[in-house]
Amino acid sequence: MDKPLADIGGKGLFTKEIDEALLNGMIDIAVHSMKDVPTYLPEGTILPCNLPREDVRDAFISLTANSLGELPAGSIIGSASLRRQSQILCRYPSLKVSMIVALITLLPPCINCLCRLVLSK
C-alpha cells in the first residue's frame, strides 16, 4: 500500500469484500477488527457482539526519546492512522504529524532514516 487509507476508500475498504461474500451467502460469518468497520453497516448486516480487546498499546520507535512527551516541540511523528494522528495532536499539540505508509516488512531497512514512528501492535 503506497497511499493513505483515506485516499483509497477509507473505512470499510478492508471489510467490503467480506461483507459482500456474507450477503451473497458465500460465507456464514464475518469477523472484522472494529477499527476497520465503517460507521454505518451495510444493509442486511448486523453487529451482534464485540469481543474484548487484547493488548491495545502502540509501539513507539525513536532514536532520541523514550516517549512522545520527551520529544522537543516541532518534532515530526509518522503514522498511517488518522485516528492516531488526532490522538497525538490532541495530547501533544506542540508536535507535528505526518502520514507514513509502509508495509511493516519494509520498515527495518529504512528505520535509520526515520526519527520517530508510532506503530499499532
N, C-alpha and C. Protein backbone atom coordinates (compact mmCIF):
# COMPACT_ATOMS: atom_id res chain seq x y z
N MET A 1 0.85 -1.17 0.00
CA MET A 1 0.00 0.00 0.00
C MET A 1 0.90 1.23 0.00
N ASP A 2 0.74 2.09 -0.99
CA ASP A 2 1.58 3.27 -1.08
C ASP A 2 0.81 4.57 -0.95
N LYS A 3 -0.46 4.48 -0.57
CA LYS A 3 -1.31 5.67 -0.39
C LYS A 3 -2.00 5.58 0.96
N PRO A 4 -2.33 6.73 1.55
CA PRO A 4 -3.09 6.71 2.80
C PRO A 4 -4.44 6.04 2.60
N LEU A 5 -4.91 5.34 3.61
CA LEU A 5 -6.19 4.64 3.55
C LEU A 5 -7.33 5.58 3.16
N ALA A 6 -7.30 6.80 3.67
CA ALA A 6 -8.37 7.76 3.37
C ALA A 6 -8.44 8.06 1.86
N ASP A 7 -7.31 7.96 1.17
CA ASP A 7 -7.29 8.27 -0.26
C ASP A 7 -7.77 7.11 -1.14
N ILE A 8 -7.82 5.90 -0.60
CA ILE A 8 -8.19 4.75 -1.43
C ILE A 8 -9.49 4.08 -1.00
N GLY A 9 -10.23 4.72 -0.11
CA GLY A 9 -11.52 4.14 0.25
C GLY A 9 -11.88 4.30 1.70
N GLY A 10 -10.94 4.64 2.54
CA GLY A 10 -11.23 4.87 3.95
C GLY A 10 -11.81 3.67 4.66
N LYS A 11 -12.56 3.98 5.72
CA LYS A 11 -13.18 2.90 6.50
C LYS A 11 -14.06 2.05 5.61
N GLY A 12 -14.05 0.77 5.84
CA GLY A 12 -14.86 -0.13 5.06
C GLY A 12 -14.10 -0.77 3.91
N LEU A 13 -12.93 -0.22 3.59
CA LEU A 13 -12.14 -0.77 2.49
C LEU A 13 -11.80 -2.24 2.74
N PHE A 14 -11.39 -2.57 3.97
CA PHE A 14 -10.98 -3.93 4.28
C PHE A 14 -12.16 -4.86 4.57
N THR A 15 -13.33 -4.29 4.81
CA THR A 15 -14.48 -5.12 5.17
C THR A 15 -15.43 -5.34 3.99
N LYS A 16 -15.34 -4.51 2.98
CA LYS A 16 -16.31 -4.54 1.88
C LYS A 16 -16.41 -5.91 1.21
N GLU A 17 -15.28 -6.49 0.83
CA GLU A 17 -15.29 -7.78 0.13
C GLU A 17 -15.88 -8.89 1.00
N ILE A 18 -15.52 -8.86 2.28
CA ILE A 18 -16.02 -9.88 3.21
C ILE A 18 -17.52 -9.71 3.42
N ASP A 19 -17.96 -8.46 3.56
CA ASP A 19 -19.39 -8.20 3.73
C ASP A 19 -20.19 -8.65 2.51
N GLU A 20 -19.64 -8.40 1.32
CA GLU A 20 -20.32 -8.83 0.09
C GLU A 20 -20.43 -10.36 0.04
N ALA A 21 -19.38 -11.06 0.46
CA ALA A 21 -19.42 -12.53 0.48
C ALA A 21 -20.47 -13.02 1.48
N LEU A 22 -20.59 -12.33 2.60
CA LEU A 22 -21.59 -12.68 3.61
C LEU A 22 -23.00 -12.47 3.04
N LEU A 23 -23.23 -11.33 2.44
CA LEU A 23 -24.54 -11.02 1.89
C LEU A 23 -24.92 -11.92 0.72
N ASN A 24 -23.92 -12.39 -0.03
CA ASN A 24 -24.17 -13.27 -1.17
C ASN A 24 -24.23 -14.75 -0.78
N GLY A 25 -24.12 -15.03 0.54
CA GLY A 25 -24.22 -16.41 1.02
C GLY A 25 -22.99 -17.25 0.78
N MET A 26 -21.86 -16.63 0.41
CA MET A 26 -20.63 -17.37 0.17
C MET A 26 -19.93 -17.76 1.47
N ILE A 27 -20.18 -17.01 2.54
CA ILE A 27 -19.64 -17.32 3.87
C ILE A 27 -20.77 -17.20 4.87
N ASP A 28 -20.60 -17.80 6.04
CA ASP A 28 -21.65 -17.80 7.07
C ASP A 28 -21.46 -16.73 8.13
N ILE A 29 -20.23 -16.28 8.32
CA ILE A 29 -19.95 -15.30 9.37
C ILE A 29 -18.76 -14.45 8.93
N ALA A 30 -18.75 -13.20 9.34
CA ALA A 30 -17.63 -12.30 9.06
C ALA A 30 -17.08 -11.79 10.39
N VAL A 31 -15.77 -11.74 10.50
CA VAL A 31 -15.12 -11.22 11.70
C VAL A 31 -14.22 -10.08 11.26
N HIS A 32 -14.43 -8.91 11.84
CA HIS A 32 -13.66 -7.73 11.48
C HIS A 32 -13.00 -7.13 12.71
N SER A 33 -11.92 -6.41 12.49
CA SER A 33 -11.36 -5.55 13.51
C SER A 33 -12.24 -4.30 13.56
N MET A 34 -12.65 -3.88 14.75
CA MET A 34 -13.56 -2.74 14.86
C MET A 34 -13.00 -1.46 14.23
N LYS A 35 -11.68 -1.33 14.21
CA LYS A 35 -11.11 -0.14 13.60
C LYS A 35 -11.36 -0.09 12.10
N ASP A 36 -11.69 -1.23 11.50
CA ASP A 36 -11.95 -1.28 10.06
C ASP A 36 -13.43 -1.19 9.70
N VAL A 37 -14.30 -1.31 10.69
CA VAL A 37 -15.74 -1.32 10.44
C VAL A 37 -16.23 0.12 10.23
N PRO A 38 -16.96 0.36 9.14
CA PRO A 38 -17.46 1.71 8.90
C PRO A 38 -18.53 2.09 9.93
N THR A 39 -18.79 3.38 10.04
CA THR A 39 -19.78 3.88 11.00
C THR A 39 -21.15 3.28 10.73
N TYR A 40 -21.52 3.19 9.46
CA TYR A 40 -22.81 2.62 9.09
C TYR A 40 -22.58 1.27 8.45
N LEU A 41 -23.24 0.24 8.99
CA LEU A 41 -23.09 -1.12 8.46
C LEU A 41 -23.86 -1.27 7.15
N PRO A 42 -23.38 -2.13 6.27
CA PRO A 42 -24.12 -2.39 5.03
C PRO A 42 -25.51 -2.94 5.35
N GLU A 43 -26.49 -2.54 4.57
CA GLU A 43 -27.85 -3.03 4.77
C GLU A 43 -27.86 -4.55 4.71
N GLY A 44 -28.55 -5.17 5.66
CA GLY A 44 -28.63 -6.62 5.71
C GLY A 44 -27.62 -7.25 6.64
N THR A 45 -26.74 -6.43 7.24
CA THR A 45 -25.77 -6.97 8.20
C THR A 45 -26.07 -6.42 9.59
N ILE A 46 -25.61 -7.14 10.59
CA ILE A 46 -25.75 -6.69 11.98
C ILE A 46 -24.41 -6.89 12.68
N LEU A 47 -24.26 -6.22 13.80
CA LEU A 47 -23.07 -6.37 14.64
C LEU A 47 -23.54 -6.98 15.95
N PRO A 48 -23.56 -8.32 16.02
CA PRO A 48 -24.17 -8.97 17.18
C PRO A 48 -23.29 -8.98 18.44
N CYS A 49 -21.99 -8.78 18.31
CA CYS A 49 -21.15 -8.82 19.51
C CYS A 49 -19.82 -8.13 19.27
N ASN A 50 -19.21 -7.72 20.35
CA ASN A 50 -17.85 -7.19 20.36
C ASN A 50 -17.05 -8.01 21.35
N LEU A 51 -15.95 -8.55 20.92
CA LEU A 51 -15.09 -9.32 21.82
C LEU A 51 -14.16 -8.37 22.55
N PRO A 52 -13.70 -8.75 23.75
CA PRO A 52 -12.77 -7.88 24.47
C PRO A 52 -11.46 -7.74 23.68
N ARG A 53 -10.89 -6.55 23.73
CA ARG A 53 -9.61 -6.31 23.04
C ARG A 53 -8.47 -6.92 23.82
N GLU A 54 -7.46 -7.28 23.11
CA GLU A 54 -6.23 -7.73 23.75
C GLU A 54 -5.39 -6.51 24.04
N ASP A 55 -4.11 -6.60 23.86
CA ASP A 55 -3.19 -5.51 24.13
C ASP A 55 -3.47 -4.34 23.18
N VAL A 56 -3.83 -3.19 23.71
CA VAL A 56 -4.21 -2.05 22.87
C VAL A 56 -3.09 -1.01 22.77
N ARG A 57 -1.94 -1.32 23.33
CA ARG A 57 -0.84 -0.35 23.30
C ARG A 57 -0.21 -0.27 21.92
N ASP A 58 0.33 0.90 21.62
CA ASP A 58 1.08 1.13 20.39
C ASP A 58 2.56 0.99 20.71
N ALA A 59 3.34 0.79 19.67
CA ALA A 59 4.79 0.77 19.82
C ALA A 59 5.33 2.14 19.44
N PHE A 60 6.27 2.63 20.21
CA PHE A 60 6.91 3.91 19.93
C PHE A 60 8.37 3.63 19.60
N ILE A 61 8.80 4.06 18.42
CA ILE A 61 10.18 3.84 18.00
C ILE A 61 10.83 5.20 17.80
N SER A 62 11.94 5.44 18.47
CA SER A 62 12.63 6.72 18.35
C SER A 62 14.13 6.51 18.55
N LEU A 63 14.92 7.30 17.88
CA LEU A 63 16.37 7.24 18.05
C LEU A 63 16.83 8.13 19.20
N THR A 64 15.95 9.04 19.68
CA THR A 64 16.39 10.03 20.66
C THR A 64 15.55 10.13 21.93
N ALA A 65 14.33 9.63 21.93
CA ALA A 65 13.44 9.83 23.08
C ALA A 65 12.82 8.51 23.53
N ASN A 66 12.41 8.48 24.80
CA ASN A 66 11.77 7.29 25.36
C ASN A 66 10.25 7.35 25.30
N SER A 67 9.70 8.53 25.01
CA SER A 67 8.24 8.68 24.93
C SER A 67 7.92 9.91 24.10
N LEU A 68 6.66 10.03 23.69
CA LEU A 68 6.23 11.21 22.95
C LEU A 68 6.42 12.47 23.79
N GLY A 69 6.21 12.36 25.08
CA GLY A 69 6.34 13.50 25.98
C GLY A 69 7.76 14.05 26.06
N GLU A 70 8.75 13.24 25.73
CA GLU A 70 10.15 13.68 25.78
C GLU A 70 10.60 14.37 24.49
N LEU A 71 9.79 14.34 23.46
CA LEU A 71 10.19 14.93 22.18
C LEU A 71 10.12 16.44 22.23
N PRO A 72 11.07 17.13 21.62
CA PRO A 72 11.02 18.60 21.60
C PRO A 72 9.90 19.10 20.69
N ALA A 73 9.42 20.29 20.97
CA ALA A 73 8.37 20.91 20.16
C ALA A 73 8.80 20.93 18.70
N GLY A 74 7.84 20.66 17.81
CA GLY A 74 8.12 20.66 16.38
C GLY A 74 8.58 19.32 15.85
N SER A 75 8.80 18.34 16.73
CA SER A 75 9.19 17.01 16.27
C SER A 75 8.11 16.43 15.38
N ILE A 76 8.50 15.69 14.37
CA ILE A 76 7.55 15.13 13.41
C ILE A 76 7.34 13.65 13.72
N ILE A 77 6.07 13.27 13.87
CA ILE A 77 5.68 11.89 14.16
C ILE A 77 5.06 11.30 12.91
N GLY A 78 5.48 10.12 12.51
CA GLY A 78 4.90 9.45 11.35
C GLY A 78 3.90 8.39 11.77
N SER A 79 2.72 8.42 11.18
CA SER A 79 1.69 7.40 11.44
C SER A 79 0.75 7.34 10.25
N ALA A 80 0.30 6.14 9.90
CA ALA A 80 -0.65 5.99 8.80
C ALA A 80 -2.09 6.09 9.29
N SER A 81 -2.29 6.20 10.59
CA SER A 81 -3.63 6.21 11.16
C SER A 81 -4.10 7.63 11.44
N LEU A 82 -5.21 8.05 10.80
CA LEU A 82 -5.77 9.37 11.07
C LEU A 82 -6.21 9.48 12.53
N ARG A 83 -6.76 8.39 13.06
CA ARG A 83 -7.19 8.39 14.46
C ARG A 83 -6.00 8.61 15.39
N ARG A 84 -4.91 7.90 15.13
CA ARG A 84 -3.72 8.02 15.96
C ARG A 84 -3.11 9.41 15.82
N GLN A 85 -3.10 9.96 14.61
CA GLN A 85 -2.58 11.31 14.41
C GLN A 85 -3.38 12.31 15.23
N SER A 86 -4.70 12.18 15.22
CA SER A 86 -5.56 13.08 16.00
C SER A 86 -5.29 12.95 17.49
N GLN A 87 -5.12 11.72 17.96
CA GLN A 87 -4.84 11.50 19.38
C GLN A 87 -3.52 12.14 19.79
N ILE A 88 -2.50 11.99 18.94
CA ILE A 88 -1.19 12.57 19.25
C ILE A 88 -1.29 14.09 19.31
N LEU A 89 -1.93 14.70 18.31
CA LEU A 89 -2.04 16.15 18.29
C LEU A 89 -2.87 16.70 19.45
N CYS A 90 -3.87 15.95 19.85
CA CYS A 90 -4.70 16.38 20.98
C CYS A 90 -3.88 16.40 22.27
N ARG A 91 -3.09 15.38 22.47
CA ARG A 91 -2.31 15.26 23.71
C ARG A 91 -1.01 16.05 23.66
N TYR A 92 -0.41 16.16 22.46
CA TYR A 92 0.87 16.84 22.30
C TYR A 92 0.77 17.86 21.16
N PRO A 93 0.08 18.98 21.38
CA PRO A 93 -0.15 19.96 20.31
C PRO A 93 1.14 20.60 19.78
N SER A 94 2.24 20.49 20.49
CA SER A 94 3.50 21.09 20.02
C SER A 94 4.21 20.20 19.00
N LEU A 95 3.73 18.96 18.83
CA LEU A 95 4.33 18.05 17.86
C LEU A 95 3.64 18.19 16.51
N LYS A 96 4.25 17.67 15.48
CA LYS A 96 3.66 17.63 14.14
C LYS A 96 3.49 16.17 13.75
N VAL A 97 2.48 15.88 12.96
CA VAL A 97 2.29 14.51 12.48
C VAL A 97 2.37 14.50 10.96
N SER A 98 2.84 13.38 10.45
CA SER A 98 2.99 13.22 9.01
C SER A 98 2.50 11.83 8.64
N MET A 99 1.80 11.74 7.52
CA MET A 99 1.33 10.45 7.03
C MET A 99 2.53 9.61 6.61
N ILE A 100 2.58 8.39 7.09
CA ILE A 100 3.61 7.45 6.66
C ILE A 100 2.89 6.17 6.28
N VAL A 101 3.14 5.70 5.11
CA VAL A 101 2.50 4.48 4.63
C VAL A 101 3.60 3.52 4.20
N ALA A 102 3.71 2.40 4.89
CA ALA A 102 4.70 1.39 4.53
C ALA A 102 4.28 0.06 5.10
N LEU A 103 4.58 -0.97 4.42
CA LEU A 103 4.37 -2.29 4.96
C LEU A 103 5.40 -2.52 6.04
N ILE A 104 5.02 -3.17 7.12
CA ILE A 104 5.93 -3.36 8.25
C ILE A 104 7.22 -4.06 7.82
N THR A 105 7.14 -4.91 6.81
CA THR A 105 8.34 -5.61 6.36
C THR A 105 9.33 -4.66 5.69
N LEU A 106 8.87 -3.49 5.27
CA LEU A 106 9.76 -2.53 4.63
C LEU A 106 10.43 -1.60 5.63
N LEU A 107 9.95 -1.58 6.88
CA LEU A 107 10.47 -0.61 7.83
C LEU A 107 11.89 -0.87 8.32
N PRO A 108 12.29 -2.09 8.68
CA PRO A 108 13.64 -2.25 9.24
C PRO A 108 14.76 -1.67 8.40
N PRO A 109 14.81 -1.86 7.08
CA PRO A 109 15.92 -1.28 6.32
C PRO A 109 15.94 0.25 6.32
N CYS A 110 14.78 0.87 6.45
CA CYS A 110 14.75 2.33 6.36
C CYS A 110 14.62 2.98 7.72
N ILE A 111 14.63 2.22 8.81
CA ILE A 111 14.36 2.78 10.13
C ILE A 111 15.39 3.85 10.52
N ASN A 112 16.62 3.76 10.03
CA ASN A 112 17.62 4.77 10.35
C ASN A 112 17.30 6.13 9.76
N CYS A 113 16.48 6.15 8.69
CA CYS A 113 16.14 7.46 8.09
C CYS A 113 14.94 8.08 8.79
N LEU A 114 14.28 7.35 9.67
CA LEU A 114 13.12 7.88 10.40
C LEU A 114 13.56 8.35 11.77
N CYS A 115 12.98 9.42 12.22
CA CYS A 115 13.31 9.91 13.57
C CYS A 115 12.38 9.30 14.60
N ARG A 116 11.10 9.31 14.33
CA ARG A 116 10.12 8.83 15.30
C ARG A 116 8.99 8.16 14.54
N LEU A 117 8.44 7.13 15.11
CA LEU A 117 7.40 6.37 14.44
C LEU A 117 6.49 5.74 15.48
N VAL A 118 5.19 5.80 15.27
CA VAL A 118 4.24 5.15 16.15
C VAL A 118 3.56 4.05 15.35
N LEU A 119 3.64 2.82 15.85
CA LEU A 119 3.07 1.67 15.18
C LEU A 119 1.97 1.06 16.01
N SER A 120 1.01 0.49 15.36
CA SER A 120 -0.03 -0.26 16.06
C SER A 120 0.51 -1.64 16.32
N LYS A 121 0.23 -2.19 17.50
CA LYS A 121 0.70 -3.53 17.81
C LYS A 121 -0.17 -4.58 17.19
